[in-house]
Protein backbone atom coordinates (compact mmCIF):
# COMPACT_ATOMS: atom_id res chain seq x y z
CA UNK A 1 0.00 0.00 0.00
CA UNK A 2 1.40 3.40 -0.98
CA UNK A 3 1.27 5.86 1.89
CA UNK A 4 1.34 9.55 1.11
CA UNK A 5 2.53 11.80 3.92
CA UNK A 6 2.88 15.47 3.04
CA UNK A 7 5.52 17.37 4.96
CA UNK A 8 6.18 21.01 5.69
CA UNK A 9 2.50 22.01 5.70
CA UNK A 10 0.91 24.33 8.24
CA UNK A 11 -1.33 21.57 9.53
CA UNK A 12 -0.47 22.05 13.20
CA UNK A 13 1.14 25.46 13.39
CA UNK A 14 -1.87 27.21 14.90
CA UNK A 15 -2.71 24.54 17.46
CA UNK A 16 -1.09 24.11 20.85
CA UNK A 17 0.53 20.68 20.61
CA UNK A 18 2.05 19.70 23.96
CA UNK A 19 4.62 16.93 24.38
CA UNK A 20 4.95 16.14 28.08
CA UNK A 21 8.53 15.85 29.30
CA UNK A 22 8.51 13.96 32.60
CA UNK A 23 12.10 12.77 32.28
CA UNK A 24 11.43 9.38 30.65
CA UNK A 25 10.33 10.04 27.10
CA UNK A 26 12.02 9.88 23.72
CA UNK A 27 11.18 13.56 23.43
CA UNK A 28 13.53 14.51 20.61
CA UNK A 29 12.37 11.90 18.07
CA UNK A 30 8.69 12.58 18.82
CA UNK A 31 9.23 16.32 18.51
CA UNK A 32 11.16 15.88 15.26
CA UNK A 33 8.38 13.75 13.75
CA UNK A 34 5.70 16.36 14.45
CA UNK A 35 7.98 19.17 13.25
CA UNK A 36 8.53 17.22 10.01
CA UNK A 37 4.74 17.20 9.57
CA UNK A 38 4.63 20.98 9.86
CA UNK A 39 3.50 21.26 13.46
CA UNK A 40 5.12 23.40 16.12
CA UNK A 41 5.14 21.19 19.22
CA UNK A 42 5.86 22.63 22.64
CA UNK A 43 7.76 20.55 25.18
CA UNK A 44 6.01 20.91 28.54
CA UNK A 45 8.25 20.15 31.53
CA UNK A 46 6.08 21.63 34.29
CA UNK A 47 2.33 21.51 35.03
CA UNK A 48 2.25 25.31 35.21
CA UNK A 49 3.04 25.42 31.47
CA UNK A 50 0.27 22.98 30.63
CA UNK A 51 -2.05 24.48 28.02
CA UNK A 52 -2.79 22.45 24.92
CA UNK A 53 -5.24 21.56 22.16
CA UNK A 54 -3.62 18.12 21.85
CA UNK A 55 -1.36 16.19 24.21
CA UNK A 56 1.33 13.56 23.61
CA UNK A 57 2.73 11.43 26.43
CA UNK A 58 5.79 9.53 25.18
CA UNK A 59 7.70 7.16 27.41
CA UNK A 60 10.54 4.68 27.77
CA UNK A 61 11.29 2.88 31.04
CA UNK A 62 9.55 1.21 33.97
CA UNK A 63 5.92 1.70 34.96
CA UNK A 64 6.69 2.63 38.57
CA UNK A 65 9.20 5.33 37.69
CA UNK A 66 6.93 6.63 34.96
CA UNK A 67 3.93 7.01 37.28
CA UNK A 68 6.10 8.73 39.90
CA UNK A 69 7.55 11.22 37.42
CA UNK A 70 4.26 11.91 35.66
CA UNK A 71 2.32 12.46 38.92
CA UNK A 72 2.51 16.31 38.88
CA UNK A 73 0.90 16.33 35.42
CA UNK A 74 -1.89 13.81 36.11
CA UNK A 75 -4.59 16.24 37.32
CA UNK A 76 -4.07 18.37 34.20
CA UNK A 77 -4.15 15.28 31.96
CA UNK A 78 -7.39 14.04 33.52
CA UNK A 79 -8.99 17.47 33.18
CA UNK A 80 -7.95 17.53 29.51
CA UNK A 81 -9.47 14.09 28.90
CA UNK A 82 -12.76 15.14 30.49
CA UNK A 83 -12.84 18.30 28.36
CA UNK A 84 -12.43 16.25 25.17
CA UNK A 85 -8.80 17.11 24.38
CA UNK A 86 -7.18 14.38 22.23
CA UNK A 87 -4.41 12.61 24.16
CA UNK A 88 -1.89 10.19 22.63
CA UNK A 89 0.19 7.87 24.81
CA UNK A 90 3.18 6.11 23.28
CA UNK A 91 4.58 2.88 24.82
CA UNK A 92 5.00 3.67 28.54
CA UNK A 93 2.76 6.68 27.99
CA UNK A 94 0.01 4.25 26.97
CA UNK A 95 0.67 1.89 29.90
CA UNK A 96 -0.01 4.61 32.44
CA UNK A 97 -3.56 5.09 31.08
CA UNK A 98 -4.47 1.75 32.70
CA UNK A 99 -5.14 0.79 36.32
CA UNK A 100 -1.94 -1.11 37.11
CA UNK A 101 1.01 -3.07 35.77
CA UNK A 102 2.71 -6.37 36.60
CA UNK A 103 6.00 -4.50 36.24
CA UNK A 104 5.25 -2.42 39.38
CA UNK A 105 2.40 -4.27 41.17
CA UNK A 106 1.79 -1.80 43.99
CA UNK A 107 1.78 1.32 41.81
CA UNK A 108 -1.61 2.56 40.50
CA UNK A 109 -1.92 3.99 37.00
CA UNK A 110 -4.23 6.81 35.93
CA UNK A 111 -7.25 4.53 35.52
CA UNK A 112 -8.42 6.21 32.33
CA UNK A 113 -8.83 2.77 30.74
CA UNK A 114 -9.91 -0.19 32.89
CA UNK A 115 -7.46 -3.07 32.90
CA UNK A 116 -3.79 -3.77 33.50
CA UNK A 117 -0.42 -4.04 31.81
CA UNK A 118 0.92 -7.58 31.56
CA UNK A 119 4.19 -9.21 30.51
CA UNK A 120 4.11 -10.79 27.06
CA UNK A 121 3.31 -14.50 27.36
CA UNK A 122 5.62 -15.67 24.61
CA UNK A 123 8.53 -18.07 24.15
CA UNK A 124 10.20 -15.56 21.90
CA UNK A 125 13.01 -13.31 23.07
CA UNK A 126 12.16 -10.37 25.32
CA UNK A 127 12.21 -7.49 25.03
CA UNK A 128 10.34 -7.55 21.74
CA UNK A 129 12.46 -5.24 19.60
CA UNK A 130 11.96 -4.55 15.91
CA UNK A 131 9.45 -4.28 13.10
CA UNK A 132 6.16 -6.13 13.25
CA UNK A 133 3.00 -6.00 11.19
CA UNK A 134 -0.19 -4.88 12.90
CA UNK A 135 -3.80 -5.85 12.31
CA UNK A 136 -6.29 -3.01 12.63
CA UNK A 137 -9.18 -4.24 14.77
CA UNK A 138 -11.17 -1.00 14.82
CA UNK A 139 -11.39 0.29 11.26
CA UNK A 140 -13.10 3.46 12.45
CA UNK A 141 -10.19 4.48 14.65
CA UNK A 142 -9.12 7.90 13.31
CA UNK A 143 -5.46 7.12 13.98
CA UNK A 144 -5.47 4.50 11.20
CA UNK A 145 -7.31 6.46 8.52
CA UNK A 146 -5.77 5.66 5.13
CA UNK A 147 -3.75 2.73 6.50
CA UNK A 148 -3.95 -1.05 6.25
CA UNK A 149 -1.77 -3.86 7.61
CA UNK A 150 1.38 -1.82 8.24
CA UNK A 151 4.78 -2.61 9.73
CA UNK A 152 5.69 -0.59 12.82
CA UNK A 153 8.53 -0.51 15.33
CA UNK A 154 8.22 -2.06 18.81
CA UNK A 155 10.48 -1.98 21.89
CA UNK A 156 8.78 -3.59 24.90
CA UNK A 157 8.27 -6.58 27.19
CA UNK A 158 4.83 -5.58 28.52
CA UNK A 159 1.58 -4.65 26.83
CA UNK A 160 -1.83 -3.35 27.91
CA UNK A 161 -4.73 -5.75 28.41
CA UNK A 162 -7.82 -3.56 28.71
CA UNK A 163 -11.04 -4.84 30.29
CA UNK A 164 -12.95 -2.43 28.07
CA UNK A 165 -13.53 -2.85 24.34
CA UNK A 166 -10.73 -0.46 23.44
CA UNK A 167 -8.18 -2.54 21.49
CA UNK A 168 -7.77 -0.80 18.13
CA UNK A 169 -4.90 -2.88 16.69
CA UNK A 170 -3.04 -6.09 17.48
CA UNK A 171 0.20 -7.79 16.48
CA UNK A 172 1.66 -11.31 16.74
CA UNK A 173 4.89 -12.11 18.59
CA UNK A 174 4.41 -15.69 19.67
CA UNK A 175 1.22 -14.42 21.28
CA UNK A 176 -1.34 -11.74 20.59
CA UNK A 177 0.01 -8.30 21.41
CA UNK A 178 -2.11 -5.23 22.04
CA UNK A 179 -0.63 -2.79 19.55
CA UNK A 180 -2.99 0.17 19.99
CA UNK A 181 -5.99 1.30 22.01
CA UNK A 182 -8.71 3.87 21.41
CA UNK A 183 -11.32 5.17 23.84
CA UNK A 184 -13.14 8.36 22.84
CA UNK A 185 -10.41 11.05 22.80
CA UNK A 186 -7.77 8.74 24.32
CA UNK A 187 -5.33 7.10 21.89
CA UNK A 188 -2.40 4.83 22.67
CA UNK A 189 0.20 2.91 20.70
CA UNK A 190 2.41 0.17 22.09
CA UNK A 191 4.74 0.69 19.14
CA UNK A 192 6.63 3.90 18.41
CA UNK A 193 4.98 5.76 15.50
CA UNK A 194 7.81 8.30 15.47
CA UNK A 195 10.19 5.45 14.56
CA UNK A 196 7.82 3.63 12.19
CA UNK A 197 8.56 5.30 8.86
CA UNK A 198 5.79 6.59 6.62
CA UNK A 199 3.10 4.52 8.34
CA UNK A 200 3.97 6.04 11.71
CA UNK A 201 4.10 9.55 10.28
CA UNK A 202 0.67 9.01 8.74
CA UNK A 203 -0.71 8.06 12.17
CA UNK A 204 0.78 11.17 13.74
CA UNK A 205 -0.64 13.27 10.92
CA UNK A 206 -4.04 11.70 11.51
CA UNK A 207 -3.73 12.65 15.17
CA UNK A 208 -2.94 16.23 14.22
CA UNK A 209 -5.98 16.32 11.95
CA UNK A 210 -8.48 15.08 14.56
């Protein structure tokens, strides 16, 4: 499938696109991807600077540390979700949407999506690193508009297992992997769209165009 991703447009230059920097995200690559698409993202490193039309929560690292570092931002994030602001969580950023994680059993997540984060039940090597095809389970998910069965880039040992009907895409890695979730204005990808070539850029563009 040929994917067309226009660059250098003014698609996001008038919106307030906030990338939350809580000390554990791959901020630079996410920022570069949105800049490539013509947006002007703002890196937010303090809750007092939190003012956005769209929010991105990237993340690399453990669930417990992530929740601890993100804590000052959580009230603002929850208020944004209630107000209808689109929020995109990437990898660890997605994990913290859920109630809990096996990685840090006594640490509660944000509880925006019911369910937990579980270790991949696979005989294959962990962490799962590399390119994998995904199957879109929710064709109506705006994140996947104009896309089909694409290859995207994963780096993880855990994945979300929602109790709600929110799984938007899956992958196979010796077991079924939750690749993406969607609940109203909450979006999450287990893979890294900013590292997933044209398919990933198309998803980020779709998020900008919500």
